Amino acid sequence: MNRADWLQARKSLITATDVPAILGVSPYRTPLQVWFEKVSDEQQPDSEILEIGRDIEPVIARKTESRLKR
């Protein structure tokens, strides 16, 4: 599954990152923003933090894999 397909699939689900916002306890998103993201075709730009996280994912995956093989 490519990233575009993955993002589209997430729109039909309530994910762990959505729950705090829906409950009103997230400092980053409101329930209205979650709703808009689920029903809108508009793509939101990634924040700098998300870009950094995406960049370091391969490193974290390699480290995790090597630790699990022990």
C-alpha atoms as a PDB file:
ATOM      1  CA  MET A   1       0.000   0.000   0.000  1.00  0.00           C
ATOM      2  CA  ASN A   2       1.440   3.368  -0.942  1.00  0.00           C
ATOM      3  CA  ARG A   3       1.182   6.458   1.250  1.00  0.00           C
ATOM      4  CA  ALA A   4      -1.759   7.965  -0.662  1.00  0.00           C
ATOM      5  CA  ASP A   5      -3.784   4.748  -0.259  1.00  0.00           C
ATOM      6  CA  TRP A   6      -2.842   4.543   3.415  1.00  0.00           C
ATOM      7  CA  LEU A   7      -3.968   8.132   4.046  1.00  0.00           C
ATOM      8  CA  GLN A   8      -7.258   7.491   2.236  1.00  0.00           C
ATOM      9  CA  ALA A   9      -7.897   4.353   4.300  1.00  0.00           C
ATOM     10  CA  ARG A  10      -7.265   6.278   7.551  1.00  0.00           C
ATOM     11  CA  LYS A  11     -10.026   8.734   6.641  1.00  0.00           C
ATOM     12  CA  SER A  12     -12.645   6.026   7.193  1.00  0.00           C
ATOM     13  CA  LEU A  13     -11.329   5.099  10.659  1.00  0.00           C
ATOM     14  CA  ILE A  14     -11.084   6.667  14.087  1.00  0.00           C
ATOM     15  CA  THR A  15      -7.419   6.192  14.929  1.00  0.00           C
ATOM     16  CA  ALA A  16      -5.481   6.494  18.169  1.00  0.00           C
ATOM     17  CA  THR A  17      -4.295   9.935  17.078  1.00  0.00           C
ATOM     18  CA  ASP A  18      -7.923  11.054  16.613  1.00  0.00           C
ATOM     19  CA  VAL A  19      -9.215   9.991  20.033  1.00  0.00           C
ATOM     20  CA  PRO A  20      -7.630  12.730  22.190  1.00  0.00           C
ATOM     21  CA  ALA A  21      -8.905  15.395  19.796  1.00  0.00           C
ATOM     22  CA  ILE A  22     -12.409  13.900  19.741  1.00  0.00           C
ATOM     23  CA  LEU A  23     -12.403  13.837  23.548  1.00  0.00           C
ATOM     24  CA  GLY A  24     -11.280  17.466  23.624  1.00  0.00           C
ATOM     25  CA  VAL A  25      -7.995  16.816  25.425  1.00  0.00           C
ATOM     26  CA  SER A  26      -5.546  17.311  22.544  1.00  0.00           C
ATOM     27  CA  PRO A  27      -3.606  20.568  22.467  1.00  0.00           C
ATOM     28  CA  TYR A  28      -3.096  20.052  18.712  1.00  0.00           C
ATOM     29  CA  ARG A  29      -6.525  19.378  17.201  1.00  0.00           C
ATOM     30  CA  THR A  30     -10.186  19.959  17.994  1.00  0.00           C
ATOM     31  CA  PRO A  31     -13.116  17.586  17.400  1.00  0.00           C
ATOM     32  CA  LEU A  32     -14.195  19.847  14.531  1.00  0.00           C
ATOM     33  CA  GLN A  33     -10.778  19.534  12.889  1.00  0.00           C
ATOM     34  CA  VAL A  34     -10.986  15.723  13.093  1.00  0.00           C
ATOM     35  CA  TRP A  35     -14.425  15.787  11.501  1.00  0.00           C
ATOM     36  CA  PHE A  36     -13.221  18.093   8.720  1.00  0.00           C
ATOM     37  CA  GLU A  37     -10.210  15.872   8.018  1.00  0.00           C
ATOM     38  CA  LYS A  38     -12.481  12.810   7.732  1.00  0.00           C
ATOM     39  CA  VAL A  39     -15.043  14.368   5.360  1.00  0.00           C
ATOM     40  CA  SER A  40     -12.852  16.704   3.315  1.00  0.00           C
ATOM     41  CA  ASP A  41     -10.791  15.858   0.264  1.00  0.00           C
ATOM     42  CA  GLU A  42      -8.498  18.754   1.114  1.00  0.00           C
ATOM     43  CA  GLN A  43      -4.989  17.590   2.038  1.00  0.00           C
ATOM     44  CA  GLN A  44      -3.480  19.320   5.073  1.00  0.00           C
ATOM     45  CA  PRO A  45       0.237  20.142   4.865  1.00  0.00           C
ATOM     46  CA  ASP A  46       2.513  18.285   7.257  1.00  0.00           C
ATOM     47  CA  SER A  47       3.927  20.193  10.187  1.00  0.00           C
ATOM     48  CA  GLU A  48       7.676  20.359  10.684  1.00  0.00           C
ATOM     49  CA  ILE A  49       7.399  17.796  13.498  1.00  0.00           C
ATOM     50  CA  LEU A  50       5.591  15.341  11.196  1.00  0.00           C
ATOM     51  CA  GLU A  51       8.237  15.795   8.514  1.00  0.00           C
ATOM     52  CA  ILE A  52      11.000  15.078  11.039  1.00  0.00           C
ATOM     53  CA  GLY A  53       9.131  12.010  12.297  1.00  0.00           C
ATOM     54  CA  ARG A  54       8.751  10.669   8.776  1.00  0.00           C
ATOM     55  CA  ASP A  55      12.453  11.263   8.105  1.00  0.00           C
ATOM     56  CA  ILE A  56      13.576   9.294  11.183  1.00  0.00           C
ATOM     57  CA  GLU A  57      11.118   6.385  10.798  1.00  0.00           C
ATOM     58  CA  PRO A  58      13.639   4.175   8.911  1.00  0.00           C
ATOM     59  CA  VAL A  59      16.240   4.639  11.658  1.00  0.00           C
ATOM     60  CA  ILE A  60      13.740   3.779  14.389  1.00  0.00           C
ATOM     61  CA  ALA A  61      12.513   0.746  12.428  1.00  0.00           C
ATOM     62  CA  ARG A  62      16.076  -0.586  12.040  1.00  0.00           C
ATOM     63  CA  LYS A  63      16.850  -0.064  15.734  1.00  0.00           C
ATOM     64  CA  THR A  64      13.606  -1.740  16.786  1.00  0.00           C
ATOM     65  CA  GLU A  65      14.192  -4.689  14.478  1.00  0.00           C
ATOM     66  CA  SER A  66      17.734  -5.233  15.771  1.00  0.00           C
ATOM     67  CA  ARG A  67      16.562  -5.107  19.409  1.00  0.00           C
ATOM     68  CA  LEU A  68      13.747  -7.580  18.761  1.00  0.00           C
ATOM     69  CA  LYS A  69      16.174 -10.094  17.234  1.00  0.00           C
ATOM     70  CA  ARG A  70      18.163 -10.359  20.471  1.00  0.00           C
END
